[in-house]
Amino acid sequence: VQLVESGGGLAQPGGSLRLSCAVSGFTFDDYAIAWFRQAPGKEREAVVCIRNEYGDTWYADSVKGRFTVSADFAKRTAYLQMDTLEPEDTAVYYCGLDSPAFNDYSTRFRQGHGMHWWGKGTQVTVEA
């Protein structure tokens, strides 16, 4: 299984970026894709998650109303639209995959669980 992130870069505060996560090498029908991020000196944290079966989504409180996760399940690609970016959003963003998907990602992320497969990450820097 391979996950490849793209779309990172430099943005100004208040600006936007769109990340993509292309997944290949598997044929599972039940899966979830999540975005995590890790800022310098901080632990990796879950940002958003989307399940393919019902299109259920989960957002961290810190990004609600600013970030939007979506997916083209036929292409096994997930997207993270990041708007109204803040300097605190600066981090390496990682795409992760679970298959089969769990039912309650809110609880799993609160308990500190990650995903089964990971991409290598893409840098997002927000500064004036």
C-alpha atoms as a PDB file:
ATOM      1  CA  VAL A   1       0.000   0.000   0.000  1.00  0.00           C
ATOM      2  CA  GLN A   2       1.335   3.428  -0.919  1.00  0.00           C
ATOM      3  CA  LEU A   3       0.118   6.859   0.069  1.00  0.00           C
ATOM      4  CA  VAL A   4       1.516   9.906  -1.671  1.00  0.00           C
ATOM      5  CA  GLU A   5       0.762  13.405  -0.441  1.00  0.00           C
ATOM      6  CA  SER A   6       1.050  16.502  -2.594  1.00  0.00           C
ATOM      7  CA  GLY A   7       0.053  20.152  -2.538  1.00  0.00           C
ATOM      8  CA  GLY A   8       2.030  21.447   0.407  1.00  0.00           C
ATOM      9  CA  GLY A   9       3.922  24.695   0.305  1.00  0.00           C
ATOM     10  CA  LEU A  10       4.007  28.227   1.600  1.00  0.00           C
ATOM     11  CA  ALA A  11       0.913  30.294   2.274  1.00  0.00           C
ATOM     12  CA  GLN A  12       0.233  33.609   3.945  1.00  0.00           C
ATOM     13  CA  PRO A  13      -2.012  33.874   7.005  1.00  0.00           C
ATOM     14  CA  GLY A  14      -5.590  33.886   5.809  1.00  0.00           C
ATOM     15  CA  GLY A  15      -4.619  32.074   2.642  1.00  0.00           C
ATOM     16  CA  SER A  16      -5.490  28.626   1.313  1.00  0.00           C
ATOM     17  CA  LEU A  17      -3.818  25.414   0.275  1.00  0.00           C
ATOM     18  CA  ARG A  18      -5.201  22.128  -1.008  1.00  0.00           C
ATOM     19  CA  LEU A  19      -3.507  18.853  -0.193  1.00  0.00           C
ATOM     20  CA  SER A  20      -4.048  15.581  -2.036  1.00  0.00           C
ATOM     21  CA  CYS A  21      -3.461  12.026  -0.898  1.00  0.00           C
ATOM     22  CA  ALA A  22      -3.348   9.354  -3.579  1.00  0.00           C
ATOM     23  CA  VAL A  23      -3.631   5.789  -2.316  1.00  0.00           C
ATOM     24  CA  SER A  24      -2.608   2.772  -4.351  1.00  0.00           C
ATOM     25  CA  GLY A  25      -1.773  -0.892  -3.964  1.00  0.00           C
ATOM     26  CA  PHE A  26      -4.962  -2.133  -2.326  1.00  0.00           C
ATOM     27  CA  THR A  27      -8.478  -3.150  -3.302  1.00  0.00           C
ATOM     28  CA  PHE A  28     -10.292  -3.008   0.030  1.00  0.00           C
ATOM     29  CA  ASP A  29     -13.850  -1.757  -0.040  1.00  0.00           C
ATOM     30  CA  ASP A  30     -13.983  -0.441   3.511  1.00  0.00           C
ATOM     31  CA  TYR A  31     -11.382   2.124   4.493  1.00  0.00           C
ATOM     32  CA  ALA A  32     -10.781   5.483   6.084  1.00  0.00           C
ATOM     33  CA  ILE A  33      -8.280   8.156   5.146  1.00  0.00           C
ATOM     34  CA  ALA A  34      -7.080  10.665   7.685  1.00  0.00           C
ATOM     35  CA  TRP A  35      -4.801  13.654   7.721  1.00  0.00           C
ATOM     36  CA  PHE A  36      -2.458  14.148  10.646  1.00  0.00           C
ATOM     37  CA  ARG A  37       0.062  16.893  11.200  1.00  0.00           C
ATOM     38  CA  GLN A  38       3.196  17.324  13.233  1.00  0.00           C
ATOM     39  CA  ALA A  39       4.619  20.714  14.076  1.00  0.00           C
ATOM     40  CA  PRO A  40       8.232  21.141  15.226  1.00  0.00           C
ATOM     41  CA  GLY A  41       8.604  20.010  18.811  1.00  0.00           C
ATOM     42  CA  LYS A  42       5.045  18.722  19.024  1.00  0.00           C
ATOM     43  CA  GLU A  43       3.388  15.330  18.784  1.00  0.00           C
ATOM     44  CA  ARG A  44       1.578  14.207  15.670  1.00  0.00           C
ATOM     45  CA  GLU A  45      -2.102  15.104  15.898  1.00  0.00           C
ATOM     46  CA  ALA A  46      -5.162  14.028  13.950  1.00  0.00           C
ATOM     47  CA  VAL A  47      -6.700  16.755  11.824  1.00  0.00           C
ATOM     48  CA  VAL A  48      -9.489  15.229   9.717  1.00  0.00           C
ATOM     49  CA  CYS A  49     -10.781  11.813   8.713  1.00  0.00           C
ATOM     50  CA  ILE A  50     -13.140  10.488   6.060  1.00  0.00           C
ATOM     51  CA  ARG A  51     -14.632   7.019   5.630  1.00  0.00           C
ATOM     52  CA  ASN A  52     -15.538   5.726   2.198  1.00  0.00           C
ATOM     53  CA  GLU A  53     -18.536   3.611   3.231  1.00  0.00           C
ATOM     54  CA  TYR A  54     -20.808   6.490   4.276  1.00  0.00           C
ATOM     55  CA  GLY A  55     -18.607   9.473   3.611  1.00  0.00           C
ATOM     56  CA  ASP A  56     -18.538  10.128   7.350  1.00  0.00           C
ATOM     57  CA  THR A  57     -16.118  12.835   8.373  1.00  0.00           C
ATOM     58  CA  TRP A  58     -14.394  13.929  11.573  1.00  0.00           C
ATOM     59  CA  TYR A  59     -12.612  17.200  12.246  1.00  0.00           C
ATOM     60  CA  ALA A  60     -10.345  18.346  15.028  1.00  0.00           C
ATOM     61  CA  ASP A  61     -11.808  21.351  16.853  1.00  0.00           C
ATOM     62  CA  SER A  62      -8.829  23.448  15.828  1.00  0.00           C
ATOM     63  CA  VAL A  63      -9.697  23.194  12.123  1.00  0.00           C
ATOM     64  CA  LYS A  64     -13.504  23.077  12.122  1.00  0.00           C
ATOM     65  CA  GLY A  65     -14.927  25.720   9.824  1.00  0.00           C
ATOM     66  CA  ARG A  66     -11.568  26.251   8.121  1.00  0.00           C
ATOM     67  CA  PHE A  67     -10.571  22.856   6.711  1.00  0.00           C
ATOM     68  CA  THR A  68     -12.676  20.582   4.514  1.00  0.00           C
ATOM     69  CA  VAL A  69     -11.927  16.937   3.756  1.00  0.00           C
ATOM     70  CA  SER A  70     -13.304  15.257   0.658  1.00  0.00           C
ATOM     71  CA  ALA A  71     -12.515  12.263  -1.480  1.00  0.00           C
ATOM     72  CA  ASP A  72     -12.885  10.763  -4.890  1.00  0.00           C
ATOM     73  CA  PHE A  73     -13.363   7.195  -3.724  1.00  0.00           C
ATOM     74  CA  ALA A  74     -13.243   5.793  -7.246  1.00  0.00           C
ATOM     75  CA  LYS A  75      -9.766   7.257  -7.600  1.00  0.00           C
ATOM     76  CA  ARG A  76      -8.871   6.405  -3.983  1.00  0.00           C
ATOM     77  CA  THR A  77      -7.757   9.987  -3.504  1.00  0.00           C
ATOM     78  CA  ALA A  78      -8.520  12.248  -0.572  1.00  0.00           C
ATOM     79  CA  TYR A  79      -8.261  16.011  -0.465  1.00  0.00           C
ATOM     80  CA  LEU A  80      -7.771  18.501   2.308  1.00  0.00           C
ATOM     81  CA  GLN A  81      -8.889  22.027   1.502  1.00  0.00           C
ATOM     82  CA  MET A  82      -7.322  24.377   4.021  1.00  0.00           C
ATOM     83  CA  ASP A  83      -8.722  27.886   4.187  1.00  0.00           C
ATOM     84  CA  THR A  84      -8.134  30.798   6.531  1.00  0.00           C
ATOM     85  CA  LEU A  85      -4.744  29.379   7.330  1.00  0.00           C
ATOM     86  CA  GLU A  86      -2.990  30.420  10.526  1.00  0.00           C
ATOM     87  CA  PRO A  87       0.697  30.290  11.452  1.00  0.00           C
ATOM     88  CA  GLU A  88      -0.273  27.576  13.955  1.00  0.00           C
ATOM     89  CA  ASP A  89      -1.188  25.351  11.009  1.00  0.00           C
ATOM     90  CA  THR A  90       2.467  25.138  10.044  1.00  0.00           C
ATOM     91  CA  ALA A  91       3.453  21.482  10.171  1.00  0.00           C
ATOM     92  CA  VAL A  92       4.272  18.411   8.147  1.00  0.00           C
ATOM     93  CA  TYR A  93       0.950  16.942   7.044  1.00  0.00           C
ATOM     94  CA  TYR A  94       0.692  13.175   6.783  1.00  0.00           C
ATOM     95  CA  CYS A  95      -1.949  11.093   5.083  1.00  0.00           C
ATOM     96  CA  GLY A  96      -2.919   7.828   6.763  1.00  0.00           C
ATOM     97  CA  LEU A  97      -5.097   4.852   5.837  1.00  0.00           C
ATOM     98  CA  ASP A  98      -7.012   2.233   7.789  1.00  0.00           C
ATOM     99  CA  SER A  99      -8.656  -0.781   6.238  1.00  0.00           C
ATOM    100  CA  PRO A 100     -11.070  -1.913   7.460  1.00  0.00           C
ATOM    101  CA  ALA A 101     -12.197   1.388   8.887  1.00  0.00           C
ATOM    102  CA  PHE A 102     -13.059   1.770  12.561  1.00  0.00           C
ATOM    103  CA  ASN A 103     -16.484   2.963  13.633  1.00  0.00           C
ATOM    104  CA  ASP A 104     -15.447   5.713  16.032  1.00  0.00           C
ATOM    105  CA  TYR A 105     -12.454   7.771  14.992  1.00  0.00           C
ATOM    106  CA  SER A 106     -13.268  10.518  17.435  1.00  0.00           C
ATOM    107  CA  THR A 107     -12.570   8.131  20.308  1.00  0.00           C
ATOM    108  CA  ARG A 108      -9.587   6.520  18.601  1.00  0.00           C
ATOM    109  CA  PHE A 109      -7.888   9.833  17.971  1.00  0.00           C
ATOM    110  CA  ARG A 110      -8.654  11.041  21.495  1.00  0.00           C
ATOM    111  CA  GLN A 111      -6.948   7.880  22.731  1.00  0.00           C
ATOM    112  CA  GLY A 112      -3.902   8.636  20.611  1.00  0.00           C
ATOM    113  CA  HIS A 113      -4.292   5.972  17.950  1.00  0.00           C
ATOM    114  CA  GLY A 114      -2.861   6.493  14.505  1.00  0.00           C
ATOM    115  CA  MET A 115      -3.552   4.869  11.161  1.00  0.00           C
ATOM    116  CA  HIS A 116      -2.241   1.600   9.762  1.00  0.00           C
ATOM    117  CA  TRP A 117      -0.462   2.918   6.673  1.00  0.00           C
ATOM    118  CA  TRP A 118       1.208   6.297   6.226  1.00  0.00           C
ATOM    119  CA  GLY A 119       2.515   8.582   3.562  1.00  0.00           C
ATOM    120  CA  LYS A 120       5.808  10.404   3.864  1.00  0.00           C
ATOM    121  CA  GLY A 121       4.256  13.792   4.492  1.00  0.00           C
ATOM    122  CA  THR A 122       4.195  17.203   2.893  1.00  0.00           C
ATOM    123  CA  GLN A 123       5.325  20.467   4.463  1.00  0.00           C
ATOM    124  CA  VAL A 124       2.847  23.285   4.998  1.00  0.00           C
ATOM    125  CA  THR A 125       4.244  26.622   6.117  1.00  0.00           C
ATOM    126  CA  VAL A 126       2.052  29.590   6.967  1.00  0.00           C
ATOM    127  CA  GLU A 127       3.855  32.870   7.400  1.00  0.00           C
ATOM    128  CA  ALA A 128       3.617  36.457   6.271  1.00  0.00           C
END
